[in-house]
PDB file of N, CA and C in Angstrom:
ATOM      1  N   MET A   1      -3.142   6.529  -0.729  1.00  0.00           N
ATOM      2  CA  MET A   1      -2.406   7.354  -1.644  1.00  0.00           C
ATOM      3  C   MET A   1      -3.258   7.548  -2.873  1.00  0.00           C
ATOM      4  N   THR A   2      -3.263   8.714  -3.389  1.00  0.00           N
ATOM      5  CA  THR A   2      -4.005   8.940  -4.626  1.00  0.00           C
ATOM      6  C   THR A   2      -3.018   9.142  -5.761  1.00  0.00           C
ATOM      7  N   THR A   3      -3.459   8.804  -6.952  1.00  0.00           N
ATOM      8  CA  THR A   3      -2.592   8.926  -8.115  1.00  0.00           C
ATOM      9  C   THR A   3      -3.120   9.957  -9.097  1.00  0.00           C
ATOM     10  N   GLY A   4      -4.104  10.732  -8.695  1.00  0.00           N
ATOM     11  CA  GLY A   4      -4.675  11.734  -9.589  1.00  0.00           C
ATOM     12  C   GLY A   4      -5.787  11.159 -10.425  1.00  0.00           C
ATOM     13  N   GLY A   5      -6.284  11.976 -11.319  1.00  0.00           N
ATOM     14  CA  GLY A   5      -7.352  11.513 -12.191  1.00  0.00           C
ATOM     15  C   GLY A   5      -8.713  11.758 -11.582  1.00  0.00           C
ATOM     16  N   PRO A   6      -9.722  11.068 -12.076  1.00  0.00           N
ATOM     17  CA  PRO A   6     -11.089  11.303 -11.615  1.00  0.00           C
ATOM     18  C   PRO A   6     -11.257  10.897 -10.147  1.00  0.00           C
ATOM     19  N   PRO A   7     -12.321  11.386  -9.510  1.00  0.00           N
ATOM     20  CA  PRO A   7     -12.571  10.984  -8.125  1.00  0.00           C
ATOM     21  C   PRO A   7     -12.605   9.466  -8.005  1.00  0.00           C
ATOM     22  N   GLY A   8     -11.994   8.976  -6.960  1.00  0.00           N
ATOM     23  CA  GLY A   8     -11.952   7.531  -6.752  1.00  0.00           C
ATOM     24  C   GLY A   8     -10.691   6.884  -7.287  1.00  0.00           C
ATOM     25  N   ALA A   9      -9.853   7.635  -8.000  1.00  0.00           N
ATOM     26  CA  ALA A   9      -8.620   7.055  -8.521  1.00  0.00           C
ATOM     27  C   ALA A   9      -7.550   7.088  -7.438  1.00  0.00           C
ATOM     28  N   GLY A  10      -6.734   6.075  -7.371  1.00  0.00           N
ATOM     29  CA  GLY A  10      -5.642   6.066  -6.420  1.00  0.00           C
ATOM     30  C   GLY A  10      -5.763   4.938  -5.419  1.00  0.00           C
ATOM     31  N   HIS A  11      -5.005   5.040  -4.346  1.00  0.00           N
ATOM     32  CA  HIS A  11      -4.949   3.999  -3.334  1.00  0.00           C
ATOM     33  C   HIS A  11      -5.069   4.633  -1.963  1.00  0.00           C
ATOM     34  N   THR A  12      -5.752   3.974  -1.074  1.00  0.00           N
ATOM     35  CA  THR A  12      -5.828   4.406   0.313  1.00  0.00           C
ATOM     36  C   THR A  12      -5.313   3.288   1.184  1.00  0.00           C
ATOM     37  N   ILE A  13      -4.394   3.615   2.068  1.00  0.00           N
ATOM     38  CA  ILE A  13      -3.871   2.614   2.987  1.00  0.00           C
ATOM     39  C   ILE A  13      -4.784   2.594   4.197  1.00  0.00           C
ATOM     40  N   THR A  14      -5.450   1.473   4.404  1.00  0.00           N
ATOM     41  CA  THR A  14      -6.352   1.350   5.535  1.00  0.00           C
ATOM     42  C   THR A  14      -5.798   0.410   6.596  1.00  0.00           C
ATOM     43  N   ALA A  15      -4.903  -0.459   6.215  1.00  0.00           N
ATOM     44  CA  ALA A  15      -4.276  -1.387   7.152  1.00  0.00           C
ATOM     45  C   ALA A  15      -2.986  -1.892   6.517  1.00  0.00           C
ATOM     46  N   TYR A  16      -2.051  -2.229   7.351  1.00  0.00           N
ATOM     47  CA  TYR A  16      -0.801  -2.748   6.828  1.00  0.00           C
ATOM     48  C   TYR A  16      -0.111  -3.572   7.903  1.00  0.00           C
ATOM     49  N   GLY A  17       0.810  -4.408   7.485  1.00  0.00           N
ATOM     50  CA  GLY A  17       1.575  -5.199   8.428  1.00  0.00           C
ATOM     51  C   GLY A  17       1.165  -6.652   8.438  1.00  0.00           C
ATOM     52  N   PRO A  18       1.885  -7.444   9.225  1.00  0.00           N
ATOM     53  CA  PRO A  18       1.667  -8.891   9.232  1.00  0.00           C
ATOM     54  C   PRO A  18       0.469  -9.353  10.057  1.00  0.00           C
ATOM     55  N   SER A  19      -0.278  -8.441  10.661  1.00  0.00           N
ATOM     56  CA  SER A  19      -1.411  -8.857  11.486  1.00  0.00           C
ATOM     57  C   SER A  19      -2.629  -9.240  10.665  1.00  0.00           C
ATOM     58  N   GLY A  20      -2.602  -9.008   9.385  1.00  0.00           N
ATOM     59  CA  GLY A  20      -3.742  -9.356   8.536  1.00  0.00           C
ATOM     60  C   GLY A  20      -3.285  -9.805   7.166  1.00  0.00           C
ATOM     61  N   VAL A  21      -4.227 -10.201   6.353  1.00  0.00           N
ATOM     62  CA  VAL A  21      -3.914 -10.666   5.006  1.00  0.00           C
ATOM     63  C   VAL A  21      -3.901  -9.492   4.034  1.00  0.00           C
ATOM     64  N   LEU A  22      -3.258  -9.694   2.881  1.00  0.00           N
ATOM     65  CA  LEU A  22      -3.174  -8.644   1.869  1.00  0.00           C
ATOM     66  C   LEU A  22      -4.533  -8.288   1.291  1.00  0.00           C
ATOM     67  N   GLY A  23      -5.354  -9.287   1.069  1.00  0.00           N
ATOM     68  CA  GLY A  23      -6.625  -9.054   0.375  1.00  0.00           C
ATOM     69  C   GLY A  23      -6.371  -8.823  -1.105  1.00  0.00           C
ATOM     70  N   ASP A  24      -7.426  -8.615  -1.850  1.00  0.00           N
ATOM     71  CA  ASP A  24      -7.304  -8.456  -3.303  1.00  0.00           C
ATOM     72  C   ASP A  24      -6.483  -7.226  -3.681  1.00  0.00           C
ATOM     73  N   SER A  25      -6.760  -6.082  -3.042  1.00  0.00           N
ATOM     74  CA  SER A  25      -6.051  -4.858  -3.428  1.00  0.00           C
ATOM     75  C   SER A  25      -4.583  -4.909  -3.038  1.00  0.00           C
ATOM     76  N   GLY A  26      -4.265  -5.467  -1.882  1.00  0.00           N
ATOM     77  CA  GLY A  26      -2.867  -5.584  -1.462  1.00  0.00           C
ATOM     78  C   GLY A  26      -2.083  -6.524  -2.361  1.00  0.00           C
ATOM     79  N   ALA A  27      -2.714  -7.609  -2.778  1.00  0.00           N
ATOM     80  CA  ALA A  27      -2.054  -8.549  -3.686  1.00  0.00           C
ATOM     81  C   ALA A  27      -1.800  -7.903  -5.047  1.00  0.00           C
ATOM     82  N   ARG A  28      -2.751  -7.090  -5.528  1.00  0.00           N
ATOM     83  CA  ARG A  28      -2.535  -6.386  -6.799  1.00  0.00           C
ATOM     84  C   ARG A  28      -1.395  -5.376  -6.674  1.00  0.00           C
ATOM     85  N   ALA A  29      -1.312  -4.700  -5.540  1.00  0.00           N
ATOM     86  CA  ALA A  29      -0.313  -3.650  -5.362  1.00  0.00           C
ATOM     87  C   ALA A  29       1.092  -4.199  -5.153  1.00  0.00           C
ATOM     88  N   THR A  30       1.223  -5.259  -4.367  1.00  0.00           N
ATOM     89  CA  THR A  30       2.563  -5.736  -4.001  1.00  0.00           C
ATOM     90  C   THR A  30       2.919  -7.094  -4.572  1.00  0.00           C
ATOM     91  N   GLY A  31       1.951  -7.776  -5.176  1.00  0.00           N
ATOM     92  CA  GLY A  31       2.193  -9.129  -5.669  1.00  0.00           C
ATOM     93  C   GLY A  31       1.846 -10.141  -4.583  1.00  0.00           C
ATOM     94  N   GLY A  32       1.837 -11.374  -4.921  1.00  0.00           N
ATOM     95  CA  GLY A  32       1.478 -12.420  -3.971  1.00  0.00           C
ATOM     96  C   GLY A  32       0.009 -12.762  -4.055  1.00  0.00           C
ATOM     97  N   LEU A  33      -0.432 -13.541  -3.086  1.00  0.00           N
ATOM     98  CA  LEU A  33      -1.819 -13.991  -3.034  1.00  0.00           C
ATOM     99  C   LEU A  33      -2.619 -13.147  -2.047  1.00  0.00           C
ATOM    100  N   PRO A  34      -3.920 -13.001  -2.274  1.00  0.00           N
ATOM    101  CA  PRO A  34      -4.748 -12.248  -1.334  1.00  0.00           C
ATOM    102  C   PRO A  34      -4.705 -12.799   0.090  1.00  0.00           C
ATOM    103  N   THR A  35      -4.387 -14.088   0.235  1.00  0.00           N
ATOM    104  CA  THR A  35      -4.342 -14.712   1.560  1.00  0.00           C
ATOM    105  C   THR A  35      -2.979 -14.589   2.237  1.00  0.00           C
ATOM    106  N   ASP A  36      -1.979 -14.040   1.544  1.00  0.00           N
ATOM    107  CA  ASP A  36      -0.649 -13.847   2.138  1.00  0.00           C
ATOM    108  C   ASP A  36      -0.706 -12.757   3.204  1.00  0.00           C
ATOM    109  N   ARG A  37       0.159 -12.855   4.200  1.00  0.00           N
ATOM    110  CA  ARG A  37       0.272 -11.828   5.237  1.00  0.00           C
ATOM    111  C   ARG A  37       1.005 -10.620   4.682  1.00  0.00           C
ATOM    112  N   GLY A  38       0.682  -9.431   5.204  1.00  0.00           N
ATOM    113  CA  GLY A  38       1.369  -8.214   4.803  1.00  0.00           C
ATOM    114  C   GLY A  38       2.765  -8.155   5.395  1.00  0.00           C
ATOM    115  N   SER A  39       3.606  -7.303   4.852  1.00  0.00           N
ATOM    116  CA  SER A  39       4.964  -7.118   5.362  1.00  0.00           C
ATOM    117  C   SER A  39       4.950  -6.125   6.518  1.00  0.00           C
ATOM    118  N   PRO A  40       5.876  -6.291   7.489  1.00  0.00           N
ATOM    119  CA  PRO A  40       5.977  -5.288   8.551  1.00  0.00           C
ATOM    120  C   PRO A  40       6.305  -3.928   7.933  1.00  0.00           C
ATOM    121  N   MET A  41       5.684  -2.888   8.435  1.00  0.00           N
ATOM    122  CA  MET A  41       5.842  -1.572   7.838  1.00  0.00           C
ATOM    123  C   MET A  41       5.530  -0.510   8.888  1.00  0.00           C
ATOM    124  N   ALA A  42       6.264   0.567   8.875  1.00  0.00           N
ATOM    125  CA  ALA A  42       6.053   1.666   9.811  1.00  0.00           C
ATOM    126  C   ALA A  42       5.516   2.887   9.066  1.00  0.00           C
ATOM    127  N   ARG A  43       5.031   3.860   9.818  1.00  0.00           N
ATOM    128  CA  ARG A  43       4.523   5.096   9.228  1.00  0.00           C
ATOM    129  C   ARG A  43       5.580   5.739   8.330  1.00  0.00           C
ATOM    130  N   THR A  44       6.834   5.722   8.766  1.00  0.00           N
ATOM    131  CA  THR A  44       7.895   6.330   7.958  1.00  0.00           C
ATOM    132  C   THR A  44       8.056   5.615   6.619  1.00  0.00           C
ATOM    133  N   ASP A  45       7.828   4.309   6.572  1.00  0.00           N
ATOM    134  CA  ASP A  45       7.884   3.583   5.295  1.00  0.00           C
ATOM    135  C   ASP A  45       6.833   4.122   4.335  1.00  0.00           C
ATOM    136  N   ILE A  46       5.668   4.470   4.865  1.00  0.00           N
ATOM    137  CA  ILE A  46       4.574   4.964   4.034  1.00  0.00           C
ATOM    138  C   ILE A  46       4.874   6.371   3.527  1.00  0.00           C
ATOM    139  N   VAL A  47       5.257   7.278   4.433  1.00  0.00           N
ATOM    140  CA  VAL A  47       5.454   8.675   4.030  1.00  0.00           C
ATOM    141  C   VAL A  47       6.771   8.914   3.310  1.00  0.00           C
ATOM    142  N   GLU A  48       7.712   7.964   3.418  1.00  0.00           N
ATOM    143  CA  GLU A  48       8.988   8.102   2.706  1.00  0.00           C
ATOM    144  C   GLU A  48       9.054   7.252   1.442  1.00  0.00           C
ATOM    145  N   GLY A  49       7.950   6.598   1.074  1.00  0.00           N
ATOM    146  CA  GLY A  49       7.899   5.855  -0.184  1.00  0.00           C
ATOM    147  C   GLY A  49       8.682   4.560  -0.180  1.00  0.00           C
ATOM    148  N   ARG A  50       8.612   3.808   0.916  1.00  0.00           N
ATOM    149  CA  ARG A  50       9.322   2.532   0.990  1.00  0.00           C
ATOM    150  C   ARG A  50       8.367   1.347   1.048  1.00  0.00           C
ATOM    151  N   ILE A  51       7.181   1.508   0.463  1.00  0.00           N
ATOM    152  CA  ILE A  51       6.217   0.407   0.409  1.00  0.00           C
ATOM    153  C   ILE A  51       6.540  -0.436  -0.818  1.00  0.00           C
ATOM    154  N   PRO A  52       6.853  -1.717  -0.622  1.00  0.00           N
ATOM    155  CA  PRO A  52       7.168  -2.572  -1.770  1.00  0.00           C
ATOM    156  C   PRO A  52       6.009  -2.637  -2.752  1.00  0.00           C
ATOM    157  N   ALA A  53       6.339  -2.588  -4.018  1.00  0.00           N
ATOM    158  CA  ALA A  53       5.355  -2.724  -5.091  1.00  0.00           C
ATOM    159  C   ALA A  53       5.929  -3.681  -6.125  1.00  0.00           C
ATOM    160  N   ARG A  54       5.169  -4.014  -7.105  1.00  0.00           N
ATOM    161  CA  ARG A  54       5.635  -4.972  -8.116  1.00  0.00           C
ATOM    162  C   ARG A  54       6.914  -4.520  -8.813  1.00  0.00           C
ATOM    163  N   HIS A  55       7.045  -3.238  -9.070  1.00  0.00           N
ATOM    164  CA  HIS A  55       8.209  -2.739  -9.812  1.00  0.00           C
ATOM    165  C   HIS A  55       8.933  -1.670  -9.004  1.00  0.00           C
ATOM    166  N   GLY A  56       9.389  -2.020  -7.819  1.00  0.00           N
ATOM    167  CA  GLY A  56      10.100  -1.064  -6.970  1.00  0.00           C
ATOM    168  C   GLY A  56       9.295  -0.716  -5.740  1.00  0.00           C
ATOM    169  N   CYS A  57       9.054   0.574  -5.541  1.00  0.00           N
ATOM    170  CA  CYS A  57       8.290   1.043  -4.374  1.00  0.00           C
ATOM    171  C   CYS A  57       7.217   2.038  -4.812  1.00  0.00           C
ATOM    172  N   MET A  58       6.166   2.129  -3.993  1.00  0.00           N
ATOM    173  CA  MET A  58       5.133   3.130  -4.250  1.00  0.00           C
ATOM    174  C   MET A  58       5.668   4.514  -3.914  1.00  0.00           C
ATOM    175  N   ALA A  59       5.065   5.513  -4.468  1.00  0.00           N
ATOM    176  CA  ALA A  59       5.469   6.900  -4.203  1.00  0.00           C
ATOM    177  C   ALA A  59       5.192   7.257  -2.744  1.00  0.00           C
ATOM    178  N   PRO A  60       5.926   8.223  -2.200  1.00  0.00           N
ATOM    179  CA  PRO A  60       5.650   8.665  -0.833  1.00  0.00           C
ATOM    180  C   PRO A  60       4.205   9.150  -0.702  1.00  0.00           C
ATOM    181  N   ALA A  61       3.628   8.893   0.460  1.00  0.00           N
ATOM    182  CA  ALA A  61       2.241   9.276   0.705  1.00  0.00           C
ATOM    183  C   ALA A  61       2.171  10.605   1.457  1.00  0.00           C
ATOM    184  N   VAL A  62       1.085  11.301   1.257  1.00  0.00           N
ATOM    185  CA  VAL A  62       0.788  12.513   1.995  1.00  0.00           C
ATOM    186  C   VAL A  62      -0.337  12.188   2.962  1.00  0.00           C
ATOM    187  N   ARG A  63      -0.161  12.513   4.216  1.00  0.00           N
ATOM    188  CA  ARG A  63      -1.178  12.195   5.204  1.00  0.00           C
ATOM    189  C   ARG A  63      -2.408  13.077   4.984  1.00  0.00           C
ATOM    190  N   ILE A  64      -3.574  12.438   5.007  1.00  0.00           N
ATOM    191  CA  ILE A  64      -4.846  13.154   4.881  1.00  0.00           C
ATOM    192  C   ILE A  64      -5.426  13.243   6.283  1.00  0.00           C
ATOM    193  N   ARG A  65      -5.675  14.430   6.741  1.00  0.00           N
ATOM    194  CA  ARG A  65      -6.196  14.602   8.102  1.00  0.00           C
ATOM    195  C   ARG A  65      -7.682  14.741   8.113  1.00  0.00           C
TER     196      ARG A  65
END
């Protein structure tokens, strides 16, 4: 997901779900430790803006083809 601004600003979802760890960027975005597992999440959660964040949910994403 991008948030506007100069090139490189924003967020890109490259992996999600409990099969891997949050890592540094996931921990910053959702809280927790970089070694914590991700939450189960479906494509609809991403495009409908239901990704947990520190203060509510992230904005809905637009798919980049």
